[in-house]
Amino acid sequence: MKCYLQNNALVIRPVRDNSGEFDEEILADLIAQGFSRQELLEKFKAMRRQVRPDVKRLLEEARLATAGKAESSTYKEVFGQEGK
């Protein structure tokens, strides 16, 4: 549970467990690479531990890009002209 004060009210919310959000994608990728058994388990654990730091890094890159402090691409640069 997460508890905090907001506008003179005590707010109590369940803490969402985000672990496992990418498990299927990680496993599919590792299986496609040919890993199995113990090696699959070891690689899976390592990749799963890396998800949170990678997401934090992406969020920081996005924050810097929106502040104009990092390179970014325009919609047109990414997706091209509409209707083409």
PDB file of N, CA and C in Angstrom:
ATOM      1  N   MET A   1       0.830  -1.175   0.000  1.00  0.00           N
ATOM      2  CA  MET A   1       0.000   0.000   0.000  1.00  0.00           C
ATOM      3  C   MET A   1       0.880   1.246   0.000  1.00  0.00           C
ATOM      4  N   LYS A   2       0.412   2.248  -0.712  1.00  0.00           N
ATOM      5  CA  LYS A   2       1.095   3.534  -0.763  1.00  0.00           C
ATOM      6  C   LYS A   2       0.168   4.550  -0.112  1.00  0.00           C
ATOM      7  N   CYS A   3       0.660   5.257   0.892  1.00  0.00           N
ATOM      8  CA  CYS A   3      -0.149   6.250   1.605  1.00  0.00           C
ATOM      9  C   CYS A   3       0.497   7.620   1.462  1.00  0.00           C
ATOM     10  N   TYR A   4      -0.338   8.634   1.192  1.00  0.00           N
ATOM     11  CA  TYR A   4       0.172   9.995   1.111  1.00  0.00           C
ATOM     12  C   TYR A   4      -0.967  10.983   1.327  1.00  0.00           C
ATOM     13  N   LEU A   5      -0.595  12.220   1.656  1.00  0.00           N
ATOM     14  CA  LEU A   5      -1.577  13.285   1.829  1.00  0.00           C
ATOM     15  C   LEU A   5      -1.721  14.055   0.535  1.00  0.00           C
ATOM     16  N   GLN A   6      -2.966  14.345   0.163  1.00  0.00           N
ATOM     17  CA  GLN A   6      -3.232  15.125  -1.036  1.00  0.00           C
ATOM     18  C   GLN A   6      -4.467  15.971  -0.778  1.00  0.00           C
ATOM     19  N   ASN A   7      -4.308  17.285  -0.870  1.00  0.00           N
ATOM     20  CA  ASN A   7      -5.417  18.216  -0.636  1.00  0.00           C
ATOM     21  C   ASN A   7      -6.122  17.926   0.686  1.00  0.00           C
ATOM     22  N   ASN A   8      -5.332  17.822   1.755  1.00  0.00           N
ATOM     23  CA  ASN A   8      -5.836  17.557   3.104  1.00  0.00           C
ATOM     24  C   ASN A   8      -6.582  16.239   3.229  1.00  0.00           C
ATOM     25  N   ALA A   9      -6.291  15.290   2.367  1.00  0.00           N
ATOM     26  CA  ALA A   9      -6.911  13.967   2.440  1.00  0.00           C
ATOM     27  C   ALA A   9      -5.815  12.906   2.454  1.00  0.00           C
ATOM     28  N   LEU A  10      -6.055  11.857   3.201  1.00  0.00           N
ATOM     29  CA  LEU A  10      -5.140  10.726   3.208  1.00  0.00           C
ATOM     30  C   LEU A  10      -5.538   9.789   2.079  1.00  0.00           C
ATOM     31  N   VAL A  11      -4.616   9.564   1.146  1.00  0.00           N
ATOM     32  CA  VAL A  11      -4.884   8.701  -0.003  1.00  0.00           C
ATOM     33  C   VAL A  11      -4.137   7.389   0.216  1.00  0.00           C
ATOM     34  N   ILE A  12      -4.860   6.290   0.084  1.00  0.00           N
ATOM     35  CA  ILE A  12      -4.269   4.962   0.227  1.00  0.00           C
ATOM     36  C   ILE A  12      -4.524   4.208  -1.067  1.00  0.00           C
ATOM     37  N   ARG A  13      -3.444   3.782  -1.709  1.00  0.00           N
ATOM     38  CA  ARG A  13      -3.561   3.070  -2.990  1.00  0.00           C
ATOM     39  C   ARG A  13      -2.705   1.806  -2.955  1.00  0.00           C
ATOM     40  N   PRO A  14      -3.151   0.794  -3.669  1.00  0.00           N
ATOM     41  CA  PRO A  14      -2.294  -0.398  -3.766  1.00  0.00           C
ATOM     42  C   PRO A  14      -1.087  -0.091  -4.638  1.00  0.00           C
ATOM     43  N   VAL A  15       0.036  -0.637  -4.267  1.00  0.00           N
ATOM     44  CA  VAL A  15       1.240  -0.482  -5.073  1.00  0.00           C
ATOM     45  C   VAL A  15       1.172  -1.516  -6.178  1.00  0.00           C
ATOM     46  N   ARG A  16       1.272  -1.040  -7.389  1.00  0.00           N
ATOM     47  CA  ARG A  16       1.188  -1.930  -8.549  1.00  0.00           C
ATOM     48  C   ARG A  16       2.499  -2.668  -8.743  1.00  0.00           C
ATOM     49  N   ASP A  17       2.418  -3.955  -8.883  1.00  0.00           N
ATOM     50  CA  ASP A  17       3.608  -4.764  -9.134  1.00  0.00           C
ATOM     51  C   ASP A  17       3.851  -4.805 -10.634  1.00  0.00           C
ATOM     52  N   ASN A  18       4.882  -4.099 -11.076  1.00  0.00           N
ATOM     53  CA  ASN A  18       5.181  -4.038 -12.503  1.00  0.00           C
ATOM     54  C   ASN A  18       6.155  -5.115 -12.941  1.00  0.00           C
ATOM     55  N   SER A  19       6.601  -5.906 -11.989  1.00  0.00           N
ATOM     56  CA  SER A  19       7.544  -6.943 -12.393  1.00  0.00           C
ATOM     57  C   SER A  19       6.825  -7.951 -13.274  1.00  0.00           C
ATOM     58  N   GLY A  20       7.479  -8.362 -14.292  1.00  0.00           N
ATOM     59  CA  GLY A  20       6.895  -9.360 -15.175  1.00  0.00           C
ATOM     60  C   GLY A  20       6.231  -8.803 -16.412  1.00  0.00           C
ATOM     61  N   GLU A  21       6.217  -7.484 -16.572  1.00  0.00           N
ATOM     62  CA  GLU A  21       5.549  -6.890 -17.731  1.00  0.00           C
ATOM     63  C   GLU A  21       6.163  -7.334 -19.051  1.00  0.00           C
ATOM     64  N   PHE A  22       7.452  -7.582 -19.060  1.00  0.00           N
ATOM     65  CA  PHE A  22       8.140  -7.918 -20.302  1.00  0.00           C
ATOM     66  C   PHE A  22       8.591  -9.376 -20.346  1.00  0.00           C
ATOM     67  N   ASP A  23       8.122 -10.182 -19.403  1.00  0.00           N
ATOM     68  CA  ASP A  23       8.583 -11.571 -19.318  1.00  0.00           C
ATOM     69  C   ASP A  23       8.358 -12.356 -20.607  1.00  0.00           C
ATOM     70  N   GLU A  24       7.177 -12.239 -21.181  1.00  0.00           N
ATOM     71  CA  GLU A  24       6.888 -12.997 -22.405  1.00  0.00           C
ATOM     72  C   GLU A  24       7.815 -12.599 -23.540  1.00  0.00           C
ATOM     73  N   GLU A  25       8.043 -11.293 -23.693  1.00  0.00           N
ATOM     74  CA  GLU A  25       8.915 -10.815 -24.758  1.00  0.00           C
ATOM     75  C   GLU A  25      10.352 -11.278 -24.539  1.00  0.00           C
ATOM     76  N   ILE A  26      10.805 -11.210 -23.286  1.00  0.00           N
ATOM     77  CA  ILE A  26      12.166 -11.646 -22.972  1.00  0.00           C
ATOM     78  C   ILE A  26      12.325 -13.130 -23.277  1.00  0.00           C
ATOM     79  N   LEU A  27      11.379 -13.944 -22.798  1.00  0.00           N
ATOM     80  CA  LEU A  27      11.465 -15.391 -23.030  1.00  0.00           C
ATOM     81  C   LEU A  27      11.414 -15.732 -24.514  1.00  0.00           C
ATOM     82  N   ALA A  28      10.509 -15.097 -25.242  1.00  0.00           N
ATOM     83  CA  ALA A  28      10.398 -15.371 -26.677  1.00  0.00           C
ATOM     84  C   ALA A  28      11.707 -15.047 -27.385  1.00  0.00           C
ATOM     85  N   ASP A  29      12.317 -13.926 -27.028  1.00  0.00           N
ATOM     86  CA  ASP A  29      13.580 -13.530 -27.645  1.00  0.00           C
ATOM     87  C   ASP A  29      14.689 -14.530 -27.325  1.00  0.00           C
ATOM     88  N   LEU A  30      14.785 -14.930 -26.066  1.00  0.00           N
ATOM     89  CA  LEU A  30      15.839 -15.864 -25.670  1.00  0.00           C
ATOM     90  C   LEU A  30      15.648 -17.240 -26.295  1.00  0.00           C
ATOM     91  N   ILE A  31      14.406 -17.696 -26.376  1.00  0.00           N
ATOM     92  CA  ILE A  31      14.129 -18.984 -27.014  1.00  0.00           C
ATOM     93  C   ILE A  31      14.479 -18.918 -28.497  1.00  0.00           C
ATOM     94  N   ALA A  32      14.127 -17.790 -29.140  1.00  0.00           N
ATOM     95  CA  ALA A  32      14.449 -17.614 -30.561  1.00  0.00           C
ATOM     96  C   ALA A  32      15.961 -17.616 -30.790  1.00  0.00           C
ATOM     97  N   GLN A  33      16.708 -17.176 -29.778  1.00  0.00           N
ATOM     98  CA  GLN A  33      18.170 -17.182 -29.877  1.00  0.00           C
ATOM     99  C   GLN A  33      18.761 -18.563 -29.610  1.00  0.00           C
ATOM    100  N   GLY A  34      17.909 -19.516 -29.222  1.00  0.00           N
ATOM    101  CA  GLY A  34      18.366 -20.888 -29.050  1.00  0.00           C
ATOM    102  C   GLY A  34      18.763 -21.286 -27.645  1.00  0.00           C
ATOM    103  N   PHE A  35      18.526 -20.424 -26.669  1.00  0.00           N
ATOM    104  CA  PHE A  35      18.876 -20.784 -25.300  1.00  0.00           C
ATOM    105  C   PHE A  35      17.868 -21.782 -24.751  1.00  0.00           C
ATOM    106  N   SER A  36      18.329 -22.661 -23.880  1.00  0.00           N
ATOM    107  CA  SER A  36      17.425 -23.612 -23.239  1.00  0.00           C
ATOM    108  C   SER A  36      17.948 -23.970 -21.854  1.00  0.00           C
ATOM    109  N   ARG A  37      17.079 -24.512 -21.060  1.00  0.00           N
ATOM    110  CA  ARG A  37      17.365 -25.008 -19.712  1.00  0.00           C
ATOM    111  C   ARG A  37      18.080 -23.987 -18.838  1.00  0.00           C
ATOM    112  N   GLN A  38      19.202 -24.373 -18.252  1.00  0.00           N
ATOM    113  CA  GLN A  38      19.883 -23.522 -17.279  1.00  0.00           C
ATOM    114  C   GLN A  38      20.371 -22.217 -17.903  1.00  0.00           C
ATOM    115  N   GLU A  39      20.877 -22.296 -19.113  1.00  0.00           N
ATOM    116  CA  GLU A  39      21.363 -21.088 -19.789  1.00  0.00           C
ATOM    117  C   GLU A  39      20.208 -20.119 -20.042  1.00  0.00           C
ATOM    118  N   LEU A  40      19.046 -20.651 -20.414  1.00  0.00           N
ATOM    119  CA  LEU A  40      17.853 -19.823 -20.616  1.00  0.00           C
ATOM    120  C   LEU A  40      17.477 -19.125 -19.321  1.00  0.00           C
ATOM    121  N   LEU A  41      17.478 -19.861 -18.215  1.00  0.00           N
ATOM    122  CA  LEU A  41      17.129 -19.290 -16.918  1.00  0.00           C
ATOM    123  C   LEU A  41      18.099 -18.183 -16.522  1.00  0.00           C
ATOM    124  N   GLU A  42      19.379 -18.418 -16.696  1.00  0.00           N
ATOM    125  CA  GLU A  42      20.387 -17.414 -16.337  1.00  0.00           C
ATOM    126  C   GLU A  42      20.245 -16.153 -17.184  1.00  0.00           C
ATOM    127  N   LYS A  43      20.078 -16.316 -18.486  1.00  0.00           N
ATOM    128  CA  LYS A  43      19.918 -15.162 -19.380  1.00  0.00           C
ATOM    129  C   LYS A  43      18.629 -14.406 -19.059  1.00  0.00           C
ATOM    130  N   PHE A  44      17.551 -15.151 -18.773  1.00  0.00           N
ATOM    131  CA  PHE A  44      16.271 -14.533 -18.445  1.00  0.00           C
ATOM    132  C   PHE A  44      16.395 -13.666 -17.198  1.00  0.00           C
ATOM    133  N   LYS A  45      17.007 -14.195 -16.154  1.00  0.00           N
ATOM    134  CA  LYS A  45      17.184 -13.432 -14.913  1.00  0.00           C
ATOM    135  C   LYS A  45      17.999 -12.163 -15.161  1.00  0.00           C
ATOM    136  N   ALA A  46      19.062 -12.285 -15.950  1.00  0.00           N
ATOM    137  CA  ALA A  46      19.915 -11.132 -16.238  1.00  0.00           C
ATOM    138  C   ALA A  46      19.153 -10.064 -17.020  1.00  0.00           C
ATOM    139  N   MET A  47      18.404 -10.481 -18.037  1.00  0.00           N
ATOM    140  CA  MET A  47      17.657  -9.510 -18.848  1.00  0.00           C
ATOM    141  C   MET A  47      16.532  -8.875 -18.036  1.00  0.00           C
ATOM    142  N   ARG A  48      15.891  -9.655 -17.188  1.00  0.00           N
ATOM    143  CA  ARG A  48      14.791  -9.137 -16.373  1.00  0.00           C
ATOM    144  C   ARG A  48      15.290  -8.064 -15.406  1.00  0.00           C
ATOM    145  N   ARG A  49      16.480  -8.276 -14.831  1.00  0.00           N
ATOM    146  CA  ARG A  49      17.060  -7.275 -13.929  1.00  0.00           C
ATOM    147  C   ARG A  49      17.385  -5.978 -14.663  1.00  0.00           C
ATOM    148  N   GLN A  50      17.616  -6.056 -15.962  1.00  0.00           N
ATOM    149  CA  GLN A  50      18.018  -4.892 -16.746  1.00  0.00           C
ATOM    150  C   GLN A  50      16.841  -4.038 -17.207  1.00  0.00           C
ATOM    151  N   VAL A  51      15.614  -4.544 -17.114  1.00  0.00           N
ATOM    152  CA  VAL A  51      14.448  -3.813 -17.625  1.00  0.00           C
ATOM    153  C   VAL A  51      14.278  -2.471 -16.923  1.00  0.00           C
ATOM    154  N   ARG A  52      14.255  -2.456 -15.595  1.00  0.00           N
ATOM    155  CA  ARG A  52      14.020  -1.207 -14.858  1.00  0.00           C
ATOM    156  C   ARG A  52      15.069  -0.142 -15.177  1.00  0.00           C
ATOM    157  N   PRO A  53      16.380  -0.450 -15.114  1.00  0.00           N
ATOM    158  CA  PRO A  53      17.368   0.578 -15.468  1.00  0.00           C
ATOM    159  C   PRO A  53      17.216   1.077 -16.905  1.00  0.00           C
ATOM    160  N   ASP A  54      16.869   0.185 -17.823  1.00  0.00           N
ATOM    161  CA  ASP A  54      16.690   0.596 -19.220  1.00  0.00           C
ATOM    162  C   ASP A  54      15.497   1.531 -19.378  1.00  0.00           C
ATOM    163  N   VAL A  55      14.402   1.243 -18.689  1.00  0.00           N
ATOM    164  CA  VAL A  55      13.219   2.105 -18.759  1.00  0.00           C
ATOM    165  C   VAL A  55      13.538   3.467 -18.151  1.00  0.00           C
ATOM    166  N   LYS A  56      14.246   3.476 -17.031  1.00  0.00           N
ATOM    167  CA  LYS A  56      14.635   4.755 -16.414  1.00  0.00           C
ATOM    168  C   LYS A  56      15.499   5.579 -17.368  1.00  0.00           C
ATOM    169  N   ARG A  57      16.430   4.910 -18.059  1.00  0.00           N
ATOM    170  CA  ARG A  57      17.295   5.609 -19.019  1.00  0.00           C
ATOM    171  C   ARG A  57      16.474   6.202 -20.160  1.00  0.00           C
ATOM    172  N   LEU A  58      15.515   5.427 -20.683  1.00  0.00           N
ATOM    173  CA  LEU A  58      14.659   5.919 -21.766  1.00  0.00           C
ATOM    174  C   LEU A  58      13.826   7.116 -21.319  1.00  0.00           C
ATOM    175  N   LEU A  59      13.299   7.056 -20.100  1.00  0.00           N
ATOM    176  CA  LEU A  59      12.519   8.181 -19.586  1.00  0.00           C
ATOM    177  C   LEU A  59      13.377   9.433 -19.442  1.00  0.00           C
ATOM    178  N   GLU A  60      14.609   9.271 -18.979  1.00  0.00           N
ATOM    179  CA  GLU A  60      15.509  10.413 -18.853  1.00  0.00           C
ATOM    180  C   GLU A  60      15.851  10.987 -20.229  1.00  0.00           C
ATOM    181  N   GLU A  61      16.088  10.124 -21.211  1.00  0.00           N
ATOM    182  CA  GLU A  61      16.348  10.596 -22.575  1.00  0.00           C
ATOM    183  C   GLU A  61      15.147  11.368 -23.116  1.00  0.00           C
ATOM    184  N   ALA A  62      13.948  10.883 -22.857  1.00  0.00           N
ATOM    185  CA  ALA A  62      12.737  11.567 -23.319  1.00  0.00           C
ATOM    186  C   ALA A  62      12.591  12.920 -22.631  1.00  0.00           C
ATOM    187  N   ARG A  63      12.887  12.965 -21.331  1.00  0.00           N
ATOM    188  CA  ARG A  63      12.799  14.229 -20.593  1.00  0.00           C
ATOM    189  C   ARG A  63      13.779  15.248 -21.170  1.00  0.00           C
ATOM    190  N   LEU A  64      14.999  14.823 -21.443  1.00  0.00           N
ATOM    191  CA  LEU A  64      16.000  15.726 -22.015  1.00  0.00           C
ATOM    192  C   LEU A  64      15.599  16.182 -23.415  1.00  0.00           C
ATOM    193  N   ALA A  65      15.057  15.284 -24.213  1.00  0.00           N
ATOM    194  CA  ALA A  65      14.634  15.640 -25.573  1.00  0.00           C
ATOM    195  C   ALA A  65      13.505  16.658 -25.539  1.00  0.00           C
ATOM    196  N   THR A  66      12.547  16.483 -24.637  1.00  0.00           N
ATOM    197  CA  THR A  66      11.435  17.440 -24.573  1.00  0.00           C
ATOM    198  C   THR A  66      11.892  18.793 -24.043  1.00  0.00           C
ATOM    199  N   ALA A  67      12.984  18.803 -23.288  1.00  0.00           N
ATOM    200  CA  ALA A  67      13.532  20.063 -22.791  1.00  0.00           C
ATOM    201  C   ALA A  67      14.491  20.696 -23.795  1.00  0.00           C
ATOM    202  N   GLY A  68      14.685  20.035 -24.946  1.00  0.00           N
ATOM    203  CA  GLY A  68      15.577  20.561 -25.971  1.00  0.00           C
ATOM    204  C   GLY A  68      17.043  20.382 -25.641  1.00  0.00           C
ATOM    205  N   LYS A  69      17.355  19.476 -24.722  1.00  0.00           N
ATOM    206  CA  LYS A  69      18.736  19.263 -24.293  1.00  0.00           C
ATOM    207  C   LYS A  69      19.341  17.982 -24.855  1.00  0.00           C
ATOM    208  N   ALA A  70      18.630  17.337 -25.758  1.00  0.00           N
ATOM    209  CA  ALA A  70      19.137  16.111 -26.381  1.00  0.00           C
ATOM    210  C   ALA A  70      18.570  16.016 -27.786  1.00  0.00           C
ATOM    211  N   GLU A  71      19.218  15.219 -28.616  1.00  0.00           N
ATOM    212  CA  GLU A  71      18.727  15.038 -29.984  1.00  0.00           C
ATOM    213  C   GLU A  71      17.373  14.354 -29.979  1.00  0.00           C
ATOM    214  N   SER A  72      16.544  14.751 -30.919  1.00  0.00           N
ATOM    215  CA  SER A  72      15.246  14.098 -31.079  1.00  0.00           C
ATOM    216  C   SER A  72      14.866  14.155 -32.553  1.00  0.00           C
ATOM    217  N   SER A  73      13.850  13.396 -32.913  1.00  0.00           N
ATOM    218  CA  SER A  73      13.370  13.359 -34.294  1.00  0.00           C
ATOM    219  C   SER A  73      11.956  13.897 -34.353  1.00  0.00           C
ATOM    220  N   THR A  74      11.613  14.508 -35.468  1.00  0.00           N
ATOM    221  CA  THR A  74      10.249  14.985 -35.651  1.00  0.00           C
ATOM    222  C   THR A  74       9.360  13.827 -36.093  1.00  0.00           C
ATOM    223  N   TYR A  75       8.068  14.047 -36.031  1.00  0.00           N
ATOM    224  CA  TYR A  75       7.099  13.046 -36.481  1.00  0.00           C
ATOM    225  C   TYR A  75       7.362  12.684 -37.937  1.00  0.00           C
ATOM    226  N   LYS A  76       7.584  13.718 -38.773  1.00  0.00           N
ATOM    227  CA  LYS A  76       7.839  13.478 -40.202  1.00  0.00           C
ATOM    228  C   LYS A  76       9.116  12.678 -40.421  1.00  0.00           C
ATOM    229  N   GLU A  77      10.150  12.962 -39.631  1.00  0.00           N
ATOM    230  CA  GLU A  77      11.402  12.221 -39.773  1.00  0.00           C
ATOM    231  C   GLU A  77      11.218  10.740 -39.437  1.00  0.00           C
ATOM    232  N   VAL A  78      10.373  10.459 -38.479  1.00  0.00           N
ATOM    233  CA  VAL A  78      10.159   9.074 -38.062  1.00  0.00           C
ATOM    234  C   VAL A  78       9.197   8.353 -38.988  1.00  0.00           C
ATOM    235  N   PHE A  79       8.064   9.004 -39.315  1.00  0.00           N
ATOM    236  CA  PHE A  79       6.998   8.327 -40.053  1.00  0.00           C
ATOM    237  C   PHE A  79       6.838   8.782 -41.497  1.00  0.00           C
ATOM    238  N   GLY A  80       7.551   9.816 -41.907  1.00  0.00           N
ATOM    239  CA  GLY A  80       7.445  10.294 -43.280  1.00  0.00           C
ATOM    240  C   GLY A  80       6.192  11.124 -43.501  1.00  0.00           C
ATOM    241  N   GLN A  81       5.924  11.426 -44.761  1.00  0.00           N
ATOM    242  CA  GLN A  81       4.758  12.223 -45.126  1.00  0.00           C
ATOM    243  C   GLN A  81       3.487  11.411 -44.958  1.00  0.00           C
ATOM    244  N   GLU A  82       2.441  12.067 -44.527  1.00  0.00           N
ATOM    245  CA  GLU A  82       1.147  11.409 -44.371  1.00  0.00           C
ATOM    246  C   GLU A  82       0.605  11.007 -45.734  1.00  0.00           C
ATOM    247  N   GLY A  83       0.061   9.799 -45.833  1.00  0.00           N
ATOM    248  CA  GLY A  83      -0.547   9.338 -47.068  1.00  0.00           C
ATOM    249  C   GLY A  83       0.424   8.731 -48.063  1.00  0.00           C
ATOM    250  N   LYS A  84       1.664   8.575 -47.684  1.00  0.00           N
ATOM    251  CA  LYS A  84       2.647   7.983 -48.605  1.00  0.00           C
ATOM    252  C   LYS A  84       2.980   6.589 -48.187  1.00  0.00           C
TER     253      LYS A  84
END
